[in-house]
Amino acid sequence: MKKKENIALIIIVIILVLLILTLIGLVVFRMSKVQNSVGNSGNNNINDIYVNDIKTTKNTSAEFFAVQTHSGFNDTIKSNQYKITTKEELEKFFELYEGFELSKEYDLSNNTIFIQTQVEGSGSIDVKFDGVNINKKVEFDINIVAPEIGTADMAYWYLVAIIPNNELNGVDVSDWKSPIEINNSLKNEYTITVEIMDLTLRESLSIVEEHVKEVGNIRIQKFSFSPLNYKKTYTLISYDENSVNQLIQNINNQETEARAKVASTETKDNSEFESFKESLNQTITPYYQIDLWSSTINNYTSWRNYSWKREWNSRTFKCRWNFAK
């Protein structure tokens, strides 16, 4: 019996030693990357980066290199492929991706800069930028090398290619966007809250629905209800400032205790604005629940002309209002 216990103990010790050696290897690997970052800092003016050597592609004079940073990207922007043909576009890219700079100037009258941004879930994942293919389109040759065990840090990559304009004749570059075009497509998303104290659930909903329908370009995003003080709170979303101001004025001028205000303003990508416009035309769902304990429901839909009843769950001590057709 003791012999079996000793063998089990030895196996456990061996496993622990292997785990420790693996962790040490990962630490050494990360430190070597940091040293490379310092050694290559002359190639690019970015803090906390790892810059690959500048290379040239076969059968073309295009230059290309990769930059790894841990400083993060602008989460608002969904686009990840850019073409830069003017100084103004380059300055706008620096503005959208604060902290990124090129260490030398390129003649943009004779060259176009292509930049692809890429996010990896671990700094241990190596993004190998092997070249640029220029045929009918401009495409980057990228290989992702992931270790079996990765570090718990995000990595943000800039893949950069400088291509002479005379090599782009007849090449479709429509997939690559101007930073100015992307910036101009950003929209302000307004979040409005409407709080109502002195009306029933049905009455409060009718008021909010009526004003949203009258003004337009606004979506009811969420409803919450507090059983303690009977306060109803509606969260509304809009991208039209005039519609927002009109809705707030209309609700606040009523002879009720309903009060509306702008809770926050965020910059959103055009793709989110398009999703918002599509949602305005979506058909409502016929059934949902309001959990009075958590006080929140999502994916709002109207319960007008619906039957409703109060249910008490004695096991979980939660009260639900069910609205069903």
Protein backbone atom coordinates (compact mmCIF):
# COMPACT_ATOMS: atom_id res chain seq x y z
CA MET A 1 0.00 0.00 0.00
CA LYS A 2 2.81 2.36 0.96
CA LYS A 3 4.61 1.49 -2.28
CA LYS A 4 1.57 2.58 -4.34
CA GLU A 5 1.32 5.80 -2.34
CA ASN A 6 5.00 6.56 -3.01
CA ILE A 7 4.57 5.99 -6.74
CA ALA A 8 1.55 8.32 -6.82
CA LEU A 9 3.53 10.96 -4.92
CA ILE A 10 6.43 10.71 -7.37
CA ILE A 11 4.07 11.13 -10.34
CA ILE A 12 2.51 14.23 -8.74
CA VAL A 13 5.97 15.73 -8.12
CA ILE A 14 6.98 15.10 -11.76
CA ILE A 15 3.81 16.79 -13.02
CA LEU A 16 4.42 19.81 -10.79
CA VAL A 17 8.02 20.12 -12.01
CA LEU A 18 6.87 20.00 -15.64
CA LEU A 19 4.27 22.71 -14.99
CA ILE A 20 6.88 24.93 -13.32
CA LEU A 21 9.29 24.47 -16.24
CA THR A 22 6.51 25.36 -18.70
CA LEU A 23 5.70 28.56 -16.80
CA ILE A 24 9.39 29.52 -16.69
CA GLY A 25 9.61 28.97 -20.45
CA LEU A 26 6.63 31.27 -21.06
CA VAL A 27 8.14 34.00 -18.88
CA VAL A 28 11.46 33.79 -20.75
CA PHE A 29 9.58 33.92 -24.08
CA ARG A 30 7.69 37.07 -23.07
CA MET A 31 10.87 38.74 -21.75
CA SER A 32 12.64 38.06 -25.05
CA LYS A 33 9.79 39.81 -26.87
CA VAL A 34 10.09 42.85 -24.62
CA GLN A 35 13.84 42.99 -25.29
CA ASN A 36 13.18 42.82 -29.02
CA SER A 37 10.68 45.62 -28.57
CA VAL A 38 13.34 47.85 -26.99
CA GLY A 39 15.94 46.86 -29.56
CA ASN A 40 13.63 47.69 -32.47
CA SER A 41 12.16 50.87 -31.02
CA GLY A 42 13.98 52.91 -33.67
CA ASN A 43 11.73 51.42 -36.34
CA ASN A 44 8.54 52.90 -34.93
CA ASN A 45 7.56 55.50 -32.33
CA ILE A 46 5.18 53.35 -30.27
CA ASN A 47 5.50 52.45 -26.61
CA ASP A 48 5.08 48.81 -25.56
CA ILE A 49 5.56 47.38 -29.06
CA TYR A 50 7.27 44.61 -30.93
CA VAL A 51 8.18 45.57 -34.50
CA ASN A 52 9.18 43.05 -37.14
CA ASP A 53 11.94 44.03 -39.58
CA ILE A 54 10.87 45.91 -42.70
CA LYS A 55 10.88 43.51 -45.66
CA THR A 56 10.17 43.65 -49.37
CA THR A 57 7.83 41.36 -51.28
CA LYS A 58 8.99 39.15 -54.15
CA ASN A 59 8.15 40.45 -57.64
CA THR A 60 7.31 43.89 -56.23
CA SER A 61 9.09 46.74 -54.48
CA ALA A 62 6.41 46.97 -51.79
CA GLU A 63 7.71 47.22 -48.22
CA PHE A 64 5.87 45.56 -45.35
CA PHE A 65 6.23 45.04 -41.60
CA ALA A 66 4.15 44.08 -38.55
CA VAL A 67 3.74 45.96 -35.28
CA GLN A 68 2.47 44.37 -32.06
CA THR A 69 1.22 46.52 -29.20
CA HIS A 70 -0.72 45.95 -25.97
CA SER A 71 -2.16 49.47 -25.76
CA GLY A 72 -5.51 48.54 -27.34
CA PHE A 73 -7.63 49.75 -30.25
CA ASN A 74 -10.60 52.06 -30.53
CA ASP A 75 -13.49 49.65 -29.80
CA THR A 76 -15.91 51.94 -31.64
CA ILE A 77 -14.36 51.18 -35.03
CA LYS A 78 -15.29 47.90 -36.73
CA SER A 79 -13.34 48.43 -39.95
CA ASN A 80 -9.87 46.86 -40.04
CA GLN A 81 -8.50 47.56 -43.54
CA TYR A 82 -7.28 51.02 -44.48
CA LYS A 83 -5.67 52.63 -47.51
CA ILE A 84 -3.86 55.94 -47.05
CA THR A 85 -3.09 58.14 -50.06
CA THR A 86 -2.75 61.62 -48.54
CA LYS A 87 -1.18 63.26 -45.53
CA GLU A 88 -4.66 64.15 -44.24
CA GLU A 89 -5.71 60.50 -44.32
CA LEU A 90 -2.54 59.48 -42.47
CA GLU A 91 -3.14 62.09 -39.75
CA LYS A 92 -6.74 60.88 -39.40
CA PHE A 93 -5.49 57.29 -38.95
CA PHE A 94 -3.13 58.48 -36.19
CA GLU A 95 -6.15 60.18 -34.59
CA LEU A 96 -8.36 57.07 -34.79
CA TYR A 97 -5.57 54.82 -33.49
CA GLU A 98 -3.90 57.04 -30.93
CA GLY A 99 -0.30 56.09 -30.20
CA PHE A 100 0.50 54.63 -33.62
CA GLU A 101 3.11 56.52 -35.63
CA LEU A 102 5.52 55.77 -38.46
CA SER A 103 9.18 56.47 -37.84
CA LYS A 104 9.75 57.87 -41.31
CA GLU A 105 7.79 59.78 -43.90
CA TYR A 106 6.65 58.16 -47.14
CA ASP A 107 6.04 59.96 -50.42
CA LEU A 108 2.27 59.60 -50.68
CA SER A 109 2.23 61.14 -54.13
CA ASN A 110 3.97 57.99 -55.42
CA ASN A 111 2.98 55.41 -52.76
CA THR A 112 -0.10 54.12 -50.95
CA ILE A 113 0.05 52.87 -47.37
CA PHE A 114 -2.15 49.85 -46.57
CA ILE A 115 -2.76 49.05 -42.90
CA GLN A 116 -4.68 46.08 -41.52
CA THR A 117 -5.48 45.99 -37.80
CA GLN A 118 -5.84 42.65 -36.04
CA VAL A 119 -6.68 41.62 -32.46
CA GLU A 120 -5.45 38.39 -30.86
CA GLY A 121 -6.58 36.99 -27.52
CA SER A 122 -3.02 36.39 -26.28
CA GLY A 123 0.33 38.10 -26.65
CA SER A 124 1.86 34.66 -27.18
CA ILE A 125 0.04 34.28 -30.51
CA ASP A 126 2.45 35.22 -33.27
CA VAL A 127 1.06 36.95 -36.35
CA LYS A 128 3.50 36.27 -39.19
CA PHE A 129 3.20 38.84 -41.97
CA ASP A 130 4.84 36.97 -44.85
CA GLY A 131 4.13 39.27 -47.78
CA VAL A 132 1.71 41.16 -50.00
CA ASN A 133 -0.09 39.70 -53.01
CA ILE A 134 -0.94 42.25 -55.70
CA ASN A 135 -3.10 40.74 -58.41
CA LYS A 136 -6.72 41.75 -58.95
CA LYS A 137 -6.77 42.88 -55.31
CA VAL A 138 -4.31 43.75 -52.55
CA GLU A 139 -4.16 40.85 -50.11
CA PHE A 140 -1.87 40.27 -47.15
CA ASP A 141 -0.21 36.88 -46.66
CA ILE A 142 -0.69 36.22 -42.94
CA ASN A 143 -0.03 33.12 -40.84
CA ILE A 144 -1.17 32.77 -37.24
CA VAL A 145 1.02 30.69 -34.94
CA ALA A 146 -0.60 29.88 -31.59
CA PRO A 147 1.20 28.09 -28.73
CA GLU A 148 -0.45 25.29 -26.78
CA ILE A 149 -0.41 27.49 -23.67
CA GLY A 150 -0.91 31.22 -24.11
CA THR A 151 -0.41 34.23 -21.86
CA ALA A 152 -3.48 36.04 -20.56
CA ASP A 153 -2.91 39.35 -22.34
CA MET A 154 -4.53 40.84 -25.42
CA ALA A 155 -2.33 41.70 -28.41
CA TYR A 156 -3.11 44.32 -31.05
CA TRP A 157 -1.37 44.16 -34.41
CA TYR A 158 -0.80 46.69 -37.18
CA LEU A 159 0.17 45.06 -40.48
CA VAL A 160 1.62 47.77 -42.71
CA ALA A 161 2.52 47.72 -46.42
CA ILE A 162 3.83 50.58 -48.54
CA ILE A 163 3.08 49.92 -52.22
CA PRO A 164 4.19 52.10 -55.19
CA ASN A 165 1.19 53.53 -57.03
CA ASN A 166 2.45 52.30 -60.40
CA GLU A 167 1.95 48.73 -59.13
CA LEU A 168 -1.72 49.41 -58.33
CA ASN A 169 -2.90 50.16 -61.87
CA GLY A 170 -6.01 48.08 -62.55
CA VAL A 171 -6.02 46.68 -58.99
CA ASP A 172 -9.31 46.72 -57.04
CA VAL A 173 -8.66 48.36 -53.65
CA SER A 174 -12.32 48.99 -52.76
CA ASP A 175 -12.09 46.65 -49.75
CA TRP A 176 -9.63 49.09 -48.16
CA LYS A 177 -11.22 52.20 -46.66
CA SER A 178 -10.00 55.74 -46.15
CA PRO A 179 -9.61 56.69 -42.45
CA ILE A 180 -11.46 59.93 -43.25
CA GLU A 181 -14.36 57.93 -44.71
CA ILE A 182 -14.49 55.72 -41.60
CA ASN A 183 -14.36 58.73 -39.28
CA ASN A 184 -17.19 60.48 -41.16
CA SER A 185 -19.36 57.36 -40.84
CA LEU A 186 -19.21 57.39 -37.02
CA LYS A 187 -22.51 58.31 -35.38
CA ASN A 188 -23.57 59.60 -31.96
CA GLU A 189 -25.87 57.18 -30.13
CA TYR A 190 -28.10 58.87 -27.56
CA THR A 191 -29.49 56.95 -24.60
CA ILE A 192 -32.63 58.53 -23.09
CA THR A 193 -34.23 57.53 -19.81
CA VAL A 194 -37.88 58.17 -19.01
CA GLU A 195 -38.97 57.81 -15.37
CA ILE A 196 -42.65 57.66 -14.42
CA MET A 197 -43.98 57.46 -10.86
CA ASP A 198 -47.68 58.32 -10.86
CA LEU A 199 -49.12 56.03 -13.53
CA THR A 200 -49.89 52.35 -13.89
CA LEU A 201 -47.77 50.05 -16.05
CA ARG A 202 -50.24 50.25 -18.92
CA GLU A 203 -50.64 54.02 -18.69
CA SER A 204 -46.91 54.64 -18.55
CA LEU A 205 -46.28 52.39 -21.55
CA SER A 206 -49.01 54.09 -23.56
CA ILE A 207 -47.45 57.50 -22.95
CA VAL A 208 -43.95 56.38 -23.94
CA GLU A 209 -45.20 54.52 -27.03
CA GLU A 210 -47.32 57.46 -28.11
CA HIS A 211 -44.43 59.93 -28.00
CA VAL A 212 -41.94 57.52 -29.59
CA LYS A 213 -44.36 56.93 -32.49
CA GLU A 214 -45.09 60.64 -32.86
CA VAL A 215 -41.44 61.74 -32.95
CA GLY A 216 -39.94 58.75 -34.79
CA ASN A 217 -36.32 57.54 -35.14
CA ILE A 218 -36.34 56.24 -31.55
CA ARG A 219 -36.37 52.69 -30.21
CA ILE A 220 -37.47 51.53 -26.76
CA GLN A 221 -34.55 49.39 -25.64
CA LYS A 222 -35.37 48.32 -22.09
CA PHE A 223 -37.91 48.63 -19.30
CA SER A 224 -37.33 48.33 -15.57
CA PHE A 225 -39.80 48.43 -12.72
CA SER A 226 -39.20 48.91 -9.02
CA PRO A 227 -41.93 47.38 -6.82
CA LEU A 228 -40.63 49.33 -3.82
CA ASN A 229 -41.52 52.82 -5.04
CA TYR A 230 -43.53 51.80 -8.14
CA LYS A 231 -41.14 53.68 -10.41
CA LYS A 232 -41.20 52.71 -14.10
CA THR A 233 -38.03 53.44 -16.08
CA TYR A 234 -37.76 53.20 -19.86
CA THR A 235 -34.45 53.23 -21.71
CA LEU A 236 -34.66 54.58 -25.26
CA ILE A 237 -32.06 54.69 -28.05
CA SER A 238 -31.76 57.15 -30.94
CA TYR A 239 -29.17 58.48 -33.40
CA ASP A 240 -31.13 61.65 -34.25
CA GLU A 241 -30.40 64.57 -31.93
CA ASN A 242 -33.45 66.55 -33.08
CA SER A 243 -35.75 63.60 -32.38
CA VAL A 244 -34.19 63.18 -28.93
CA ASN A 245 -34.68 66.84 -28.01
CA GLN A 246 -38.27 66.81 -29.29
CA LEU A 247 -39.16 63.66 -27.33
CA ILE A 248 -37.71 65.04 -24.09
CA GLN A 249 -39.58 68.32 -24.54
CA ASN A 250 -42.88 66.58 -25.28
CA ILE A 251 -42.67 64.22 -22.28
CA ASN A 252 -41.48 66.84 -19.79
CA ASN A 253 -44.25 69.27 -20.81
CA GLN A 254 -46.98 66.80 -19.80
CA GLU A 255 -49.08 67.22 -16.68
CA THR A 256 -47.70 64.02 -15.16
CA GLU A 257 -44.64 63.09 -13.14
CA ALA A 258 -42.97 61.62 -16.25
CA ARG A 259 -39.44 62.98 -16.72
CA ALA A 260 -37.10 62.33 -19.64
CA LYS A 261 -33.41 63.14 -20.06
CA VAL A 262 -30.33 62.14 -22.05
CA ALA A 263 -28.45 59.63 -19.90
CA SER A 264 -25.39 59.22 -22.12
CA THR A 265 -23.94 59.82 -25.59
CA GLU A 266 -21.57 57.35 -27.24
CA THR A 267 -19.84 57.28 -30.62
CA LYS A 268 -20.80 54.22 -32.65
CA ASP A 269 -19.66 52.63 -35.89
CA ASN A 270 -21.89 52.95 -38.95
CA SER A 271 -22.63 49.21 -38.84
CA GLU A 272 -24.34 49.66 -35.45
CA PHE A 273 -26.33 52.58 -36.85
CA GLU A 274 -27.52 50.37 -39.74
CA SER A 275 -28.54 47.66 -37.24
CA PHE A 276 -30.51 50.29 -35.32
CA LYS A 277 -32.38 51.34 -38.47
CA GLU A 278 -33.23 47.72 -39.24
CA SER A 279 -34.52 47.17 -35.71
CA LEU A 280 -37.02 50.02 -36.10
CA ASN A 281 -38.86 47.93 -38.69
CA GLN A 282 -38.75 44.61 -36.86
CA THR A 283 -42.01 42.87 -35.91
CA ILE A 284 -42.71 42.77 -32.18
CA THR A 285 -42.75 39.45 -30.34
CA PRO A 286 -46.06 38.34 -28.80
CA TYR A 287 -44.86 37.39 -25.33
CA TYR A 288 -42.39 38.35 -22.64
CA GLN A 289 -41.96 38.60 -18.88
CA ILE A 290 -41.07 41.28 -16.39
CA ASP A 291 -39.06 40.02 -13.44
CA LEU A 292 -39.85 42.44 -10.63
CA TRP A 293 -36.93 41.17 -8.57
CA SER A 294 -34.21 41.88 -11.09
CA SER A 295 -36.31 44.80 -12.36
CA THR A 296 -35.06 44.47 -15.92
CA ILE A 297 -36.12 42.98 -19.21
CA ASN A 298 -34.45 43.30 -22.58
CA ASN A 299 -35.72 43.10 -26.17
CA TYR A 300 -38.69 45.34 -25.46
CA THR A 301 -42.08 44.64 -27.01
CA SER A 302 -45.50 46.15 -26.40
CA TRP A 303 -47.98 44.43 -24.13
CA ARG A 304 -50.94 46.65 -25.04
CA ASN A 305 -54.08 44.54 -25.65
CA TYR A 306 -52.40 41.63 -23.89
CA SER A 307 -53.80 39.83 -20.87
CA TRP A 308 -51.64 39.90 -17.76
CA LYS A 309 -51.58 38.27 -14.36
CA ARG A 310 -49.48 38.34 -11.23
CA GLU A 311 -47.61 35.16 -10.20
CA TRP A 312 -45.74 34.50 -6.99
CA ASN A 313 -43.04 31.85 -6.85
CA SER A 314 -42.92 30.68 -3.22
CA ARG A 315 -39.73 28.69 -3.81
CA THR A 316 -37.58 31.53 -5.20
CA PHE A 317 -39.53 34.38 -3.58
CA LYS A 318 -39.82 36.19 -6.90
CA CYS A 319 -42.83 37.93 -8.32
CA ARG A 320 -43.45 37.96 -12.09
CA TRP A 321 -45.89 39.81 -14.24
CA ASN A 322 -46.64 37.68 -17.29
CA PHE A 323 -47.95 39.33 -20.43
CA ALA A 324 -49.31 36.83 -22.96
CA LYS A 325 -51.60 37.14 -25.92
